[in-house]
Amino acid sequence: MCVSGSTRLGTEGMGYPSRAVRGWRRRKGWTFLVWVVVVSLALADGRRVRQPRCPHGCTCTKDNALCESVRSVPHTFPSDVVSLLFTANSFDLIDEDAFQGLPHLEYLFIENNKIAEISPYAFRGLKALVHLSLAYNNLETLPKDVFKGMDALTKVDLRGNNLICDCKLKWLVEWMHHTNATLDQIHCSGPPIHQGKKINDLLPHSFDCIAAEFATYQSLKFESISVDAFTLGNEQYVVFAQPFAGTCSFLEWDHVEMTFRTYDTIESTSTVVCKPMVIENHLFVIVAQLFGGSHIYKHDTSASKFIKIQDIDILKIRKPNDIETFMIDGESFFVIADSSKAGSTTVYKWNGNGFYSHQSLHPWYRDTDVEYLEISNKPHLILSSSSQRPVVYQWNRSQKKFDRRTDIPDMEDVFSIKHFRVQGDLFICLTRFIGDSKVMRWDGAMFKEVQTFPSRGSMVFQPVSTGNWQYAILGSDYSLTQVYQWDTKRGQFVPSQELNIQAPRGFSLVSIDGRVFLLASSFKGKTQIYEHLMIDLSN
């Protein structure tokens, strides 16, 4: 008995659990297993509960769903849907990620609805989609790259919409030429240039989607009445006439800071024009002044300053208003328009040492502007005057002087004239302070009106061009400056943009480092510099 007792005590004492302990552990293990099973069943049941059901207004089978009379795209379709049809619904927008959570969707029909707008990311995630129909809706355009990532697409149906085949839809034409998907034949409802055409027949180059604008780049804290750009050596410069400060201000381009900075100045009195003239790589500047006479300066490169070399006859030039430089048969000339009652518009010629009076044109006519141009390859001058209609002079090669040829009828009170060419045709812009400014075209015998522009308070109507872009800028002392762009198909200028310049007096374009700038002189405010920027309308 004692031995048996010792044996029982020894086995339990040696670390073996008692029957009670072993039984408790077996019950605990079974409880744990039951808990795991219950939890697993609960989780599985939970997943079944959260599985999306067929949305209200839709009918669903195992793989398909049909929705009618719903107000928006539901977001609770079963994830295993393969085909989805929306028809006769009232919603007009497909929002982004509208079909998220449908990785197996292959066929999507959104037909006979009122869809007018689609988010760029409406179909995001539909990588298995092979057929998309948006037929018979109110679509006029589609957002760029709306089909991005849908590499399985083989068919897109856009019939029955009013697609506007403009630059916003250029991407679709490009996509059509690079995708394996096919599109049914659809016709463009606009714009006029493509109206009625099959979009399938259009090519990317069928679209003219590059536009341009002048964007504010730099403001200069001075007033100016004229501006001219010129090239000396390999550098571009600009010069402004500042009447109140009495200076000619020269600016150069800072290639590091990418701004225009002060280069030099010429001190003067009541300056109205600072006209640069480069002859054999020497820079001359004709400085026209209202008081104290006008003068000619030469830039001394060794001393790096301007030196006055000549005075202009004060008996002929009493009230200068404009200067034009030109060359005829290799000889250099400039002409000053004089607006006084006693002065005379005069042509000056360079003789190798200085400039001398070559010819005085009509006296006593108070000329406000002079424009040099070639008509039928012959040199001409057009003089604008406050006392008569614009007069046209033609160069007489044998006499080496200008002869009066004709005038421009029915154009009294023209302040200035500037010319431009488009595809070989010669045009002029005529500025009037009161009444309408005009564009006229040379027809081989005379200038004929092409277009009129309301221009109360205008002192400048200036054409400028860069590359294939032709503009005419109409300034005003009473309203915003209007920029017009030439429309080749119409043969006229069309409105392009407005610039906020106070009392503009002149414009000049300069090209530097592959960039184009418009410089605008302002008589009553800050002189402005704009950059000519290209805009891709298809983006």
Protein backbone atom coordinates (compact mmCIF):
# COMPACT_ATOMS: atom_id res chain seq x y z
CA MET A 1 0.00 0.00 0.00
CA CYS A 2 2.85 2.25 0.92
CA VAL A 3 4.66 1.36 -2.27
CA SER A 4 1.57 2.02 -4.34
CA GLY A 5 1.08 5.32 -2.59
CA SER A 6 4.66 6.25 -3.24
CA THR A 7 4.19 5.38 -6.92
CA ARG A 8 1.16 7.66 -7.36
CA LEU A 9 2.89 10.50 -5.61
CA GLY A 10 5.98 9.98 -7.69
CA THR A 11 4.31 10.11 -11.16
CA GLU A 12 2.37 13.29 -10.41
CA GLY A 13 5.31 14.86 -8.72
CA MET A 14 7.57 14.05 -11.67
CA GLY A 15 5.61 16.58 -13.92
CA TYR A 16 2.81 14.45 -15.43
CA PRO A 17 -0.63 16.20 -15.26
CA SER A 18 -3.46 14.67 -13.35
CA ARG A 19 -6.60 13.31 -15.05
CA ALA A 20 -8.48 16.45 -14.00
CA VAL A 21 -5.91 18.70 -15.59
CA ARG A 22 -5.80 16.63 -18.77
CA GLY A 23 -9.57 16.69 -19.03
CA TRP A 24 -9.68 20.47 -18.63
CA ARG A 25 -7.15 20.88 -21.39
CA ARG A 26 -9.14 18.63 -23.76
CA ARG A 27 -12.28 20.68 -23.13
CA LYS A 28 -10.37 23.93 -23.75
CA GLY A 29 -9.03 22.65 -27.11
CA TRP A 30 -12.50 21.64 -28.29
CA THR A 31 -13.85 25.04 -27.27
CA PHE A 32 -11.14 26.79 -29.29
CA LEU A 33 -11.88 24.69 -32.37
CA VAL A 34 -15.57 25.44 -32.08
CA TRP A 35 -14.80 29.18 -31.74
CA VAL A 36 -12.61 29.09 -34.86
CA VAL A 37 -15.35 27.38 -36.84
CA VAL A 38 -18.00 29.79 -35.61
CA VAL A 39 -15.83 32.83 -36.39
CA SER A 40 -14.99 31.47 -39.84
CA LEU A 41 -18.65 30.84 -40.60
CA ALA A 42 -19.49 34.30 -39.31
CA LEU A 43 -16.83 35.91 -41.51
CA ALA A 44 -18.00 33.95 -44.52
CA ASP A 45 -21.56 34.91 -43.78
CA GLY A 46 -20.41 38.51 -43.34
CA ARG A 47 -18.81 38.47 -46.74
CA ARG A 48 -22.00 37.20 -48.24
CA VAL A 49 -23.92 39.98 -46.50
CA ARG A 50 -21.57 42.72 -47.85
CA GLN A 51 -21.64 41.35 -51.39
CA PRO A 52 -23.41 44.11 -53.46
CA ARG A 53 -26.92 43.34 -54.49
CA CYS A 54 -28.58 44.41 -57.73
CA PRO A 55 -29.22 48.20 -57.48
CA HIS A 56 -32.70 49.66 -57.38
CA GLY A 57 -34.01 50.25 -60.87
CA CYS A 58 -31.83 47.50 -62.34
CA THR A 59 -32.41 43.86 -63.18
CA CYS A 60 -29.52 41.47 -62.64
CA THR A 61 -28.76 37.90 -63.60
CA LYS A 62 -25.61 35.97 -62.88
CA ASP A 63 -23.44 37.87 -65.38
CA ASN A 64 -25.66 40.66 -66.67
CA ALA A 65 -27.31 43.85 -65.44
CA LEU A 66 -29.95 46.05 -67.10
CA CYS A 67 -30.78 49.50 -65.71
CA GLU A 68 -33.72 51.66 -66.76
CA SER A 69 -35.14 54.91 -65.38
CA VAL A 70 -32.26 55.52 -62.94
CA ARG A 71 -31.03 59.03 -62.17
CA SER A 72 -27.33 58.24 -61.83
CA VAL A 73 -24.91 55.37 -62.34
CA PRO A 74 -25.25 53.02 -59.32
CA HIS A 75 -22.10 51.95 -57.49
CA THR A 76 -23.32 48.65 -56.04
CA PHE A 77 -23.22 46.13 -58.85
CA PRO A 78 -22.05 42.58 -58.16
CA SER A 79 -18.34 42.38 -58.99
CA ASP A 80 -18.75 39.44 -61.36
CA VAL A 81 -20.96 41.33 -63.83
CA VAL A 82 -19.75 40.82 -67.40
CA SER A 83 -22.34 42.82 -69.34
CA LEU A 84 -24.01 46.06 -68.28
CA LEU A 85 -26.74 47.97 -70.13
CA PHE A 86 -28.12 51.44 -69.36
CA THR A 87 -30.99 52.59 -71.53
CA ALA A 88 -33.74 55.23 -71.29
CA ASN A 89 -32.28 56.78 -68.12
CA SER A 90 -32.43 60.42 -67.07
CA PHE A 91 -28.85 61.06 -65.91
CA ASP A 92 -26.70 63.41 -68.01
CA LEU A 93 -23.29 62.89 -66.42
CA ILE A 94 -20.93 59.95 -65.98
CA ASP A 95 -18.69 60.78 -63.04
CA GLU A 96 -15.19 59.53 -62.38
CA ASP A 97 -14.71 55.91 -61.33
CA ALA A 98 -18.37 55.28 -62.15
CA PHE A 99 -17.71 51.57 -62.75
CA GLN A 100 -15.12 50.91 -60.09
CA GLY A 101 -15.09 47.38 -58.70
CA LEU A 102 -16.17 45.66 -61.94
CA PRO A 103 -12.93 43.98 -63.05
CA HIS A 104 -14.74 41.40 -65.21
CA LEU A 105 -16.94 43.84 -67.15
CA GLU A 106 -16.54 43.22 -70.89
CA TYR A 107 -19.61 44.86 -72.43
CA LEU A 108 -20.91 48.29 -71.45
CA PHE A 109 -23.88 49.84 -73.26
CA ILE A 110 -24.94 53.36 -72.25
CA GLU A 111 -27.46 54.07 -74.98
CA ASN A 112 -30.50 56.34 -75.49
CA ASN A 113 -29.80 58.36 -72.37
CA LYS A 114 -29.15 62.08 -71.92
CA ILE A 115 -25.39 61.93 -71.39
CA ALA A 116 -23.84 65.33 -72.14
CA GLU A 117 -20.67 65.13 -70.07
CA ILE A 118 -18.22 62.38 -69.17
CA SER A 119 -15.41 62.60 -66.62
CA PRO A 120 -11.90 61.92 -67.96
CA TYR A 121 -11.69 59.05 -65.46
CA ALA A 122 -15.21 57.70 -65.90
CA PHE A 123 -14.02 54.32 -67.22
CA ARG A 124 -10.91 53.95 -65.07
CA GLY A 125 -10.19 50.36 -64.11
CA LEU A 126 -12.18 48.70 -66.92
CA LYS A 127 -9.19 46.81 -68.28
CA ALA A 128 -11.29 43.86 -69.48
CA LEU A 129 -13.82 45.95 -71.42
CA VAL A 130 -13.98 45.00 -75.10
CA HIS A 131 -17.18 46.78 -76.24
CA LEU A 132 -18.29 50.29 -75.27
CA SER A 133 -21.40 51.95 -76.64
CA LEU A 134 -22.28 55.58 -75.94
CA ALA A 135 -24.73 55.75 -78.81
CA TYR A 136 -27.67 58.14 -78.99
CA ASN A 137 -26.82 60.53 -76.20
CA ASN A 138 -26.21 64.30 -76.11
CA LEU A 139 -22.42 64.22 -76.35
CA GLU A 140 -20.68 67.06 -78.20
CA THR A 141 -17.17 66.12 -77.13
CA LEU A 142 -15.19 63.58 -75.15
CA PRO A 143 -12.46 64.34 -72.61
CA LYS A 144 -8.93 63.66 -73.75
CA ASP A 145 -7.63 60.16 -73.02
CA VAL A 146 -10.97 58.96 -71.63
CA PHE A 147 -10.12 55.51 -73.06
CA LYS A 148 -6.66 55.41 -71.52
CA GLY A 149 -5.79 52.02 -70.01
CA MET A 150 -8.60 50.24 -71.86
CA ASP A 151 -6.29 48.19 -74.03
CA ALA A 152 -8.80 45.36 -74.54
CA LEU A 153 -11.26 47.58 -76.43
CA THR A 154 -12.23 46.31 -79.86
CA LYS A 155 -15.40 48.33 -80.48
CA VAL A 156 -16.59 51.88 -79.64
CA ASP A 157 -20.00 53.11 -80.75
CA LEU A 158 -20.60 56.88 -80.77
CA ARG A 159 -23.49 57.07 -83.23
CA GLY A 160 -26.40 59.40 -82.59
CA ASN A 161 -24.41 62.13 -80.81
CA ASN A 162 -23.68 65.70 -81.91
CA LEU A 163 -19.90 65.57 -81.87
CA ILE A 164 -18.11 68.86 -82.54
CA CYS A 165 -14.93 67.94 -84.40
CA ASP A 166 -12.80 70.79 -83.08
CA CYS A 167 -9.45 70.84 -81.33
CA LYS A 168 -10.93 69.33 -78.17
CA LEU A 169 -11.66 66.19 -80.17
CA LYS A 170 -8.37 66.04 -82.08
CA TRP A 171 -7.11 63.46 -79.58
CA LEU A 172 -9.90 61.07 -80.65
CA VAL A 173 -8.77 61.22 -84.27
CA GLU A 174 -5.20 60.54 -83.19
CA TRP A 175 -6.39 57.66 -80.98
CA MET A 176 -8.39 56.15 -83.85
CA HIS A 177 -5.21 55.92 -85.93
CA HIS A 178 -3.28 54.12 -83.18
CA THR A 179 -5.84 51.75 -81.65
CA ASN A 180 -7.05 48.30 -82.65
CA ALA A 181 -10.60 49.26 -81.75
CA THR A 182 -13.08 50.16 -84.48
CA LEU A 183 -15.61 52.99 -84.53
CA ASP A 184 -18.86 53.08 -86.42
CA GLN A 185 -19.16 55.75 -89.10
CA ILE A 186 -20.20 59.01 -87.44
CA HIS A 187 -20.53 62.53 -88.83
CA CYS A 188 -19.32 65.81 -87.37
CA SER A 189 -22.01 68.30 -86.41
CA GLY A 190 -19.47 71.14 -86.39
CA PRO A 191 -17.50 73.33 -86.63
CA PRO A 192 -18.34 74.65 -90.12
CA ILE A 193 -14.99 73.55 -91.55
CA HIS A 194 -15.73 69.89 -90.66
CA GLN A 195 -19.52 69.88 -90.51
CA GLY A 196 -20.99 66.83 -92.23
CA LYS A 197 -17.64 65.09 -92.60
CA LYS A 198 -17.07 61.59 -91.30
CA ILE A 199 -14.85 61.73 -88.25
CA ASN A 200 -13.32 58.46 -89.43
CA ASP A 201 -12.00 60.30 -92.52
CA LEU A 202 -10.29 63.09 -90.57
CA LEU A 203 -6.55 63.13 -89.94
CA PRO A 204 -4.63 64.80 -87.11
CA HIS A 205 -3.31 67.47 -89.48
CA SER A 206 -6.93 68.34 -90.38
CA PHE A 207 -6.99 70.41 -87.18
CA ASP A 208 -5.37 73.81 -86.70
CA CYS A 209 -5.02 73.83 -82.94
CA ILE A 210 -2.10 76.16 -82.29
CA ALA A 211 -3.17 79.58 -81.03
CA ALA A 212 -1.12 82.43 -79.63
CA GLU A 213 -1.41 85.31 -77.21
CA PHE A 214 0.62 88.19 -75.85
CA ALA A 215 1.27 87.65 -72.12
CA THR A 216 2.58 90.34 -69.79
CA TYR A 217 6.31 89.81 -69.27
CA GLN A 218 7.92 92.98 -67.92
CA SER A 219 6.84 96.49 -66.94
CA LEU A 220 9.20 99.45 -67.32
CA LYS A 221 8.73 102.33 -64.95
CA PHE A 222 8.74 105.14 -67.47
CA GLU A 223 6.44 106.73 -70.05
CA SER A 224 7.38 106.70 -73.72
CA ILE A 225 6.06 107.97 -77.02
CA SER A 226 7.89 105.77 -79.53
CA VAL A 227 9.75 102.45 -79.61
CA ASP A 228 12.12 100.88 -82.14
CA ALA A 229 14.10 97.65 -82.17
CA PHE A 230 17.40 97.20 -83.99
CA THR A 231 20.29 94.77 -84.37
CA LEU A 232 23.92 95.76 -83.85
CA GLY A 233 26.49 93.03 -84.29
CA ASN A 234 24.80 89.90 -83.03
CA GLU A 235 22.76 91.58 -80.32
CA GLN A 236 19.23 92.95 -80.25
CA TYR A 237 18.46 96.35 -78.72
CA VAL A 238 15.42 98.56 -78.24
CA VAL A 239 15.15 102.30 -77.79
CA PHE A 240 12.30 104.32 -76.29
CA ALA A 241 11.72 108.07 -76.65
CA GLN A 242 10.76 109.58 -73.28
CA PRO A 243 9.28 113.06 -73.85
CA PHE A 244 8.87 114.05 -70.20
CA ALA A 245 12.26 112.78 -69.05
CA GLY A 246 13.90 114.12 -72.21
CA THR A 247 15.92 111.00 -73.02
CA CYS A 248 16.39 108.23 -75.51
CA SER A 249 16.54 105.09 -73.38
CA PHE A 250 18.36 102.08 -74.85
CA LEU A 251 17.74 98.60 -73.45
CA GLU A 252 19.58 95.34 -74.05
CA TRP A 253 18.62 91.75 -73.30
CA ASP A 254 20.15 90.15 -70.22
CA HIS A 255 20.76 86.53 -71.29
CA VAL A 256 21.20 85.42 -67.65
CA GLU A 257 18.34 87.21 -65.88
CA MET A 258 16.12 86.93 -68.98
CA THR A 259 14.95 90.55 -68.75
CA PHE A 260 15.56 93.82 -70.59
CA ARG A 261 18.05 96.09 -68.81
CA THR A 262 19.41 99.60 -69.35
CA TYR A 263 22.16 99.82 -71.96
CA ASP A 264 22.67 103.55 -72.58
CA THR A 265 20.86 106.90 -72.82
CA ILE A 266 20.96 110.06 -74.89
CA GLU A 267 19.95 113.21 -73.02
CA SER A 268 17.65 115.45 -75.02
CA THR A 269 14.69 117.83 -74.69
CA SER A 270 11.00 117.07 -75.33
CA THR A 271 11.98 113.96 -77.29
CA VAL A 272 9.38 112.55 -79.70
CA VAL A 273 11.37 110.06 -81.78
CA CYS A 274 14.69 108.21 -81.27
CA LYS A 275 15.26 106.49 -84.62
CA PRO A 276 18.17 104.01 -84.84
CA MET A 277 19.94 103.55 -88.16
CA VAL A 278 22.77 101.06 -88.69
CA ILE A 279 25.11 101.82 -91.60
CA GLU A 280 28.12 99.55 -92.20
CA ASN A 281 27.89 98.31 -88.61
CA HIS A 282 27.90 101.86 -87.23
CA LEU A 283 24.94 102.97 -85.13
CA PHE A 284 23.40 106.37 -85.79
CA VAL A 285 20.41 107.75 -83.92
CA ILE A 286 18.20 110.56 -85.24
CA VAL A 287 16.78 112.35 -82.21
CA ALA A 288 13.71 114.41 -83.02
CA GLN A 289 12.79 117.12 -80.50
CA LEU A 290 9.91 119.56 -80.27
CA PHE A 291 12.19 122.26 -78.86
CA GLY A 292 15.86 122.97 -79.32
CA GLY A 293 16.15 121.44 -82.78
CA SER A 294 16.76 117.83 -83.80
CA HIS A 295 20.13 116.11 -83.90
CA ILE A 296 22.02 113.07 -85.14
CA TYR A 297 24.20 110.99 -82.80
CA LYS A 298 26.75 108.28 -83.52
CA HIS A 299 27.74 105.56 -81.09
CA ASP A 300 31.48 105.68 -80.44
CA THR A 301 32.47 102.07 -79.73
CA SER A 302 35.92 103.02 -78.41
CA ALA A 303 34.48 105.47 -75.89
CA SER A 304 31.31 103.40 -75.46
CA LYS A 305 29.04 106.45 -75.65
CA PHE A 306 26.94 108.49 -78.06
CA ILE A 307 28.46 111.58 -79.64
CA LYS A 308 26.44 114.26 -81.43
CA ILE A 309 27.74 114.59 -84.99
CA GLN A 310 25.15 116.76 -86.71
CA ASP A 311 22.28 119.20 -86.26
CA ILE A 312 19.21 119.05 -88.48
CA ASP A 313 18.13 122.24 -90.28
CA ILE A 314 15.67 123.91 -87.93
CA LEU A 315 14.16 125.96 -90.77
CA LYS A 316 12.90 122.80 -92.46
CA ILE A 317 12.20 120.63 -89.43
CA ARG A 318 10.32 122.72 -86.90
CA LYS A 319 7.91 120.23 -85.35
CA PRO A 320 8.99 116.65 -86.16
CA ASN A 321 6.37 113.95 -85.68
CA ASP A 322 7.72 110.79 -87.31
CA ILE A 323 10.94 109.41 -88.84
CA GLU A 324 11.31 106.57 -91.33
CA THR A 325 14.60 105.01 -92.49
CA PHE A 326 15.07 103.08 -95.75
CA MET A 327 17.52 102.09 -98.47
CA ILE A 328 17.22 102.57 -102.23
CA ASP A 329 19.76 101.03 -104.62
CA GLY A 330 22.23 100.52 -101.77
CA GLU A 331 22.03 104.10 -100.50
CA SER A 332 20.78 105.03 -97.02
CA PHE A 333 18.02 107.60 -96.45
CA PHE A 334 15.74 108.83 -93.73
CA VAL A 335 12.71 111.11 -93.93
CA ILE A 336 11.23 113.32 -91.21
CA ALA A 337 7.54 114.18 -91.25
CA ASP A 338 7.09 117.76 -90.04
CA SER A 339 3.75 118.75 -88.55
CA SER A 340 4.26 122.50 -88.23
CA LYS A 341 2.63 125.10 -90.49
CA ALA A 342 5.97 126.49 -91.59
CA GLY A 343 8.07 123.30 -91.81
CA SER A 344 8.53 120.79 -94.60
CA THR A 345 8.73 117.03 -94.63
CA THR A 346 12.29 116.33 -95.80
CA VAL A 347 14.31 113.38 -97.11
CA TYR A 348 17.96 113.10 -95.97
CA LYS A 349 20.71 111.00 -97.56
CA TRP A 350 23.93 109.55 -96.17
CA ASN A 351 26.98 110.66 -98.18
CA GLY A 352 29.65 108.68 -96.34
CA ASN A 353 30.46 111.42 -93.83
CA GLY A 354 27.10 112.73 -92.77
CA PHE A 355 23.49 113.27 -93.77
CA TYR A 356 22.43 116.08 -96.06
CA SER A 357 19.05 117.33 -97.21
CA HIS A 358 18.18 115.43 -100.38
CA GLN A 359 14.61 116.54 -101.10
CA SER A 360 11.90 118.60 -99.46
CA LEU A 361 8.41 117.28 -100.07
CA HIS A 362 5.27 119.39 -99.94
CA PRO A 363 5.52 122.27 -97.42
CA TRP A 364 2.78 123.74 -95.24
CA TYR A 365 0.74 120.56 -94.98
CA ARG A 366 1.39 119.61 -91.35
CA ASP A 367 2.33 115.98 -91.96
CA THR A 368 1.85 113.66 -89.00
CA ASP A 369 3.32 110.41 -90.37
CA VAL A 370 5.44 109.04 -93.20
CA GLU A 371 5.62 105.40 -94.33
CA TYR A 372 8.17 103.87 -96.72
CA LEU A 373 7.03 100.85 -98.75
CA GLU A 374 7.47 99.21 -102.12
CA ILE A 375 4.55 99.04 -104.56
CA SER A 376 5.14 96.77 -107.56
CA ASN A 377 8.85 96.68 -106.60
CA LYS A 378 9.12 100.48 -106.77
CA PRO A 379 9.99 102.64 -103.73
CA HIS A 380 7.13 104.78 -102.44
CA LEU A 381 6.33 107.13 -99.57
CA ILE A 382 2.85 107.71 -98.12
CA LEU A 383 2.40 110.94 -96.15
CA SER A 384 -0.43 111.39 -93.69
CA SER A 385 -1.57 114.91 -92.91
CA SER A 386 -4.06 116.72 -90.76
CA SER A 387 -4.87 119.06 -93.66
CA GLN A 388 -5.41 116.71 -96.59
CA ARG A 389 -5.91 113.10 -97.65
CA PRO A 390 -2.88 110.73 -97.56
CA VAL A 391 -0.54 111.40 -100.49
CA VAL A 392 1.44 108.70 -102.32
CA TYR A 393 4.90 109.52 -103.74
CA GLN A 394 6.85 107.27 -106.12
CA TRP A 395 10.64 107.18 -106.52
CA ASN A 396 11.90 108.47 -109.86
CA ARG A 397 15.03 106.44 -110.56
CA SER A 398 16.36 108.75 -113.23
CA GLN A 399 15.89 111.89 -111.13
CA LYS A 400 16.60 110.05 -107.86
CA LYS A 401 13.73 111.87 -106.23
CA PHE A 402 10.15 111.22 -105.18
CA ASP A 403 7.31 112.39 -107.43
CA ARG A 404 3.75 112.81 -106.31
CA ARG A 405 1.68 109.95 -107.77
CA THR A 406 -1.80 110.00 -106.23
CA ASP A 407 -3.75 110.30 -103.02
CA ILE A 408 -6.05 107.97 -101.11
CA PRO A 409 -9.64 109.17 -101.62
CA ASP A 410 -12.28 109.54 -98.91
CA MET A 411 -9.73 109.24 -96.09
CA GLU A 412 -9.45 112.64 -94.42
CA ASP A 413 -7.95 113.07 -90.94
CA VAL A 414 -5.65 110.05 -91.15
CA PHE A 415 -3.07 110.29 -88.39
CA SER A 416 -0.71 107.52 -89.53
CA ILE A 417 -0.30 104.70 -92.05
CA LYS A 418 1.60 101.41 -91.65
CA HIS A 419 1.86 98.64 -94.22
CA PHE A 420 2.09 94.84 -94.16
CA ARG A 421 1.99 91.96 -96.63
CA VAL A 422 0.09 88.69 -96.63
CA GLN A 423 0.92 86.08 -99.29
CA GLY A 424 2.35 88.74 -101.58
CA ASP A 425 -0.61 91.14 -101.27
CA LEU A 426 0.06 94.66 -99.99
CA PHE A 427 -2.16 96.14 -97.27
CA ILE A 428 -2.09 99.35 -95.24
CA CYS A 429 -3.52 100.19 -91.80
CA LEU A 430 -4.85 103.75 -91.57
CA THR A 431 -5.26 105.26 -88.09
CA ARG A 432 -7.90 107.87 -87.33
CA PHE A 433 -8.40 109.55 -83.98
CA ILE A 434 -12.03 110.36 -84.81
CA GLY A 435 -14.06 108.01 -86.98
CA ASP A 436 -13.13 104.57 -88.21
CA SER A 437 -9.64 103.25 -88.76
CA LYS A 438 -9.32 101.09 -91.88
CA VAL A 439 -7.43 98.35 -93.62
CA MET A 440 -6.98 98.79 -97.36
CA ARG A 441 -5.50 96.57 -100.07
CA TRP A 442 -3.54 97.57 -103.15
CA ASP A 443 -5.36 96.22 -106.21
CA GLY A 444 -2.69 97.14 -108.76
CA ALA A 445 -3.95 100.65 -109.39
CA MET A 446 -5.18 102.03 -106.07
CA PHE A 447 -5.87 101.18 -102.44
CA LYS A 448 -9.36 99.81 -101.77
CA GLU A 449 -11.10 99.34 -98.45
CA VAL A 450 -11.10 95.84 -96.92
CA GLN A 451 -12.23 96.40 -93.35
CA THR A 452 -13.18 99.16 -90.89
CA PHE A 453 -12.61 99.38 -87.13
CA PRO A 454 -14.29 101.75 -84.64
CA SER A 455 -11.38 103.69 -83.21
CA ARG A 456 -12.33 106.73 -81.20
CA GLY A 457 -9.21 108.05 -79.51
CA SER A 458 -6.74 105.96 -81.54
CA MET A 459 -3.23 107.21 -82.21
CA VAL A 460 -1.75 103.95 -83.46
CA PHE A 461 -3.00 101.09 -85.65
CA GLN A 462 0.10 99.04 -86.22
CA PRO A 463 0.62 95.72 -88.00
CA VAL A 464 3.24 93.36 -86.57
CA SER A 465 4.16 89.86 -87.66
CA THR A 466 6.16 86.90 -86.38
CA GLY A 467 6.43 83.64 -88.28
CA ASN A 468 3.03 82.88 -89.77
CA TRP A 469 1.24 85.14 -87.32
CA GLN A 470 0.06 88.51 -88.64
CA TYR A 471 -1.48 90.97 -86.21
CA ALA A 472 -2.82 94.51 -86.22
CA ILE A 473 -2.85 96.35 -82.89
CA LEU A 474 -5.31 99.20 -82.46
CA GLY A 475 -4.51 101.43 -79.51
CA SER A 476 -6.83 103.89 -77.83
CA ASP A 477 -6.59 106.69 -75.30
CA TYR A 478 -10.08 105.87 -73.99
CA SER A 479 -10.36 102.08 -73.94
CA LEU A 480 -8.40 98.84 -73.99
CA THR A 481 -5.98 98.15 -76.81
CA GLN A 482 -7.43 95.68 -79.32
CA VAL A 483 -5.26 92.96 -80.87
CA TYR A 484 -6.53 91.52 -84.16
CA GLN A 485 -5.22 88.40 -85.90
CA TRP A 486 -5.29 87.92 -89.65
CA ASP A 487 -7.66 85.18 -90.81
CA THR A 488 -6.32 83.94 -94.14
CA LYS A 489 -9.55 82.22 -95.15
CA ARG A 490 -11.65 85.32 -94.53
CA GLY A 491 -9.04 87.73 -95.81
CA GLN A 492 -9.67 89.93 -92.78
CA PHE A 493 -8.60 90.55 -89.21
CA VAL A 494 -10.55 88.91 -86.40
CA PRO A 495 -10.45 89.87 -82.69
CA SER A 496 -7.71 88.07 -80.78
CA GLN A 497 -7.30 89.69 -77.34
CA GLU A 498 -7.25 92.92 -75.36
CA LEU A 499 -4.24 94.60 -73.74
CA ASN A 500 -4.39 97.07 -70.88
CA ILE A 501 -2.05 99.85 -72.03
CA GLN A 502 -2.59 103.49 -71.18
CA ALA A 503 -2.42 105.77 -74.22
CA PRO A 504 -0.24 103.54 -76.44
CA ARG A 505 1.79 105.25 -79.13
CA GLY A 506 3.86 102.54 -80.78
CA PHE A 507 4.63 98.83 -80.93
CA SER A 508 7.65 96.82 -81.98
CA LEU A 509 8.46 93.10 -82.10
CA VAL A 510 11.87 91.71 -81.23
CA SER A 511 13.08 88.10 -81.36
CA ILE A 512 15.70 87.04 -78.80
CA ASP A 513 16.92 83.58 -77.74
CA GLY A 514 14.11 81.90 -79.64
CA ARG A 515 11.48 84.04 -77.90
CA VAL A 516 9.38 86.86 -79.33
CA PHE A 517 8.52 90.01 -77.39
CA LEU A 518 6.12 92.85 -78.11
CA LEU A 519 7.27 96.22 -76.80
CA ALA A 520 4.57 98.83 -76.27
CA SER A 521 5.23 102.52 -75.63
CA SER A 522 2.78 104.24 -73.30
CA PHE A 523 2.31 108.00 -73.19
CA LYS A 524 0.48 108.04 -69.85
CA GLY A 525 1.57 104.93 -68.00
CA LYS A 526 4.22 102.25 -67.69
CA THR A 527 5.89 101.03 -70.85
CA GLN A 528 4.99 97.37 -71.28
CA ILE A 529 6.72 94.27 -72.65
CA TYR A 530 4.69 91.19 -73.63
CA GLU A 531 5.83 87.74 -74.68
CA HIS A 532 4.27 86.02 -77.67
CA LEU A 533 3.26 82.56 -76.45
CA MET A 534 2.01 79.51 -78.33
CA ILE A 535 -1.05 77.66 -76.98
CA ASP A 536 -2.09 74.14 -77.97
CA LEU A 537 -5.89 74.15 -77.95
CA SER A 538 -6.05 70.37 -78.19
CA ASN A 539 -4.69 69.96 -74.64
